[in-house]
Structure formats: structure tokens, C-alpha cells
């Protein structure tokens, strides 16, 4: 473990640095997952089969923000 691999860095120092980097990646993924916006009472997750968009839309309008196609049962009344 005291073998010098690159410059003045030993095998042990490189393994520690790699472990810290991998730990940061796992921490980053956990934080992103924990801070991800949850569906509220007026939003729901949908997938548009017309254009492939995926995200959250209102439960009242339910239209794709990318291609404006309906995404299921629309609860809002149509204005005439």
C-alpha cells in the first residue's frame, strides 16, 4: 500500500480518494431523491404518449406542456 503510483500519491491515498468520490456520488443521488418534488393535491405525474414528455401536470387541465395533447380525464369544465 506504500507503493508510489503517480507523483507522490500512494496506492492507499488513491483508494481513499476513490472511496470519497464514490461516497459523494451516493450522497448526491440520495439528496436528489429526497428533495424531488412530490405530487401535491392538485398535481399528478403523467407521461405523454404522443411526444414522450414525462412530468407533473395539473389534475384540472391535464394537457401535455410540450405538444398540448390531452393526458387523460380532464376535470376542469370546458369554457364556452
Protein backbone atom coordinates (compact mmCIF):
# COMPACT_ATOMS: atom_id res chain seq x y z
CA UNK A 1 0.00 0.00 0.00
CA UNK A 2 3.01 2.29 0.27
CA UNK A 3 3.84 1.89 -3.43
CA UNK A 4 4.06 5.24 -5.21
CA UNK A 5 1.77 5.13 -8.24
CA UNK A 6 1.57 8.65 -9.60
CA UNK A 7 3.74 11.58 -8.49
CA UNK A 8 3.80 11.45 -4.70
CA UNK A 9 0.49 9.56 -4.35
CA UNK A 10 0.48 6.08 -2.85
CA UNK A 11 -1.99 3.28 -3.54
CA UNK A 12 -3.67 3.89 -0.17
CA UNK A 13 -4.19 7.61 -0.90
CA UNK A 14 -5.68 6.81 -4.31
CA UNK A 15 -8.06 4.23 -2.79
CA UNK A 16 -9.16 6.72 -0.12
CA UNK A 17 -9.78 9.42 -2.74
CA UNK A 18 -11.77 6.97 -4.91
CA UNK A 19 -13.87 5.98 -1.87
CA UNK A 20 -14.61 9.61 -1.05
CA UNK A 21 -15.63 10.34 -4.65
CA UNK A 22 -17.93 7.30 -4.76
CA UNK A 23 -19.38 8.32 -1.39
CA UNK A 24 -20.15 11.81 -2.73
CA UNK A 25 -21.95 10.29 -5.74
CA UNK A 26 -24.16 8.16 -3.46
CA UNK A 27 -24.83 11.15 -1.21
CA UNK A 28 -25.70 13.32 -4.23
CA UNK A 29 -28.18 10.70 -5.54
CA UNK A 30 -29.77 10.37 -2.10
CA UNK A 31 -30.16 14.15 -1.78
CA UNK A 32 -31.68 14.45 -5.25
CA UNK A 33 -34.13 11.67 -4.47
CA UNK A 34 -35.04 13.19 -1.11
CA UNK A 35 -35.53 16.70 -2.48
CA UNK A 36 -37.51 15.59 -5.52
CA UNK A 37 -40.83 17.37 -5.74
CA UNK A 38 -43.68 15.15 -4.68
CA UNK A 39 -47.14 15.14 -6.19
CA UNK A 40 -49.33 17.67 -4.43
CA UNK A 41 -53.12 17.54 -4.09
CA UNK A 42 -53.55 19.36 -7.42
CA UNK A 43 -50.77 17.76 -9.46
CA UNK A 44 -50.06 14.28 -10.72
CA UNK A 45 -47.32 12.58 -12.69
CA UNK A 46 -48.14 11.79 -16.32
CA UNK A 47 -46.43 10.51 -19.46
CA UNK A 48 -47.44 11.82 -22.88
CA UNK A 49 -47.59 9.00 -25.38
CA UNK A 50 -47.69 11.49 -28.25
CA UNK A 51 -44.31 13.18 -27.74
CA UNK A 52 -42.75 11.23 -24.86
CA UNK A 53 -42.81 14.07 -22.32
CA UNK A 54 -42.81 12.97 -18.69
CA UNK A 55 -43.56 15.13 -15.67
CA UNK A 56 -46.21 16.65 -13.44
CA UNK A 57 -49.41 18.28 -14.67
CA UNK A 58 -52.44 19.81 -13.01
CA UNK A 59 -55.30 17.46 -12.16
CA UNK A 60 -57.69 20.00 -13.67
CA UNK A 61 -56.14 20.73 -17.08
CA UNK A 62 -54.14 17.55 -17.78
CA UNK A 63 -52.59 18.66 -21.04
CA UNK A 64 -49.07 17.99 -22.23
CA UNK A 65 -46.99 21.18 -21.93
CA UNK A 66 -44.90 20.15 -24.92
CA UNK A 67 -47.48 19.12 -27.55
CA UNK A 68 -50.77 20.23 -25.84
CA UNK A 69 -52.47 16.83 -26.22
CA UNK A 70 -54.91 15.74 -23.50
CA UNK A 71 -53.41 13.38 -20.91
CA UNK A 72 -56.49 11.63 -19.57
CA UNK A 73 -59.68 12.68 -17.80
CA UNK A 74 -59.85 16.44 -17.66
CA UNK A 75 -61.71 17.58 -14.57
CA UNK A 76 -61.97 21.26 -15.50
CA UNK A 77 -65.11 22.35 -17.28
CA UNK A 78 -64.73 23.44 -20.86
CA UNK A 79 -65.29 27.19 -21.20
CA UNK A 80 -67.64 28.21 -23.98
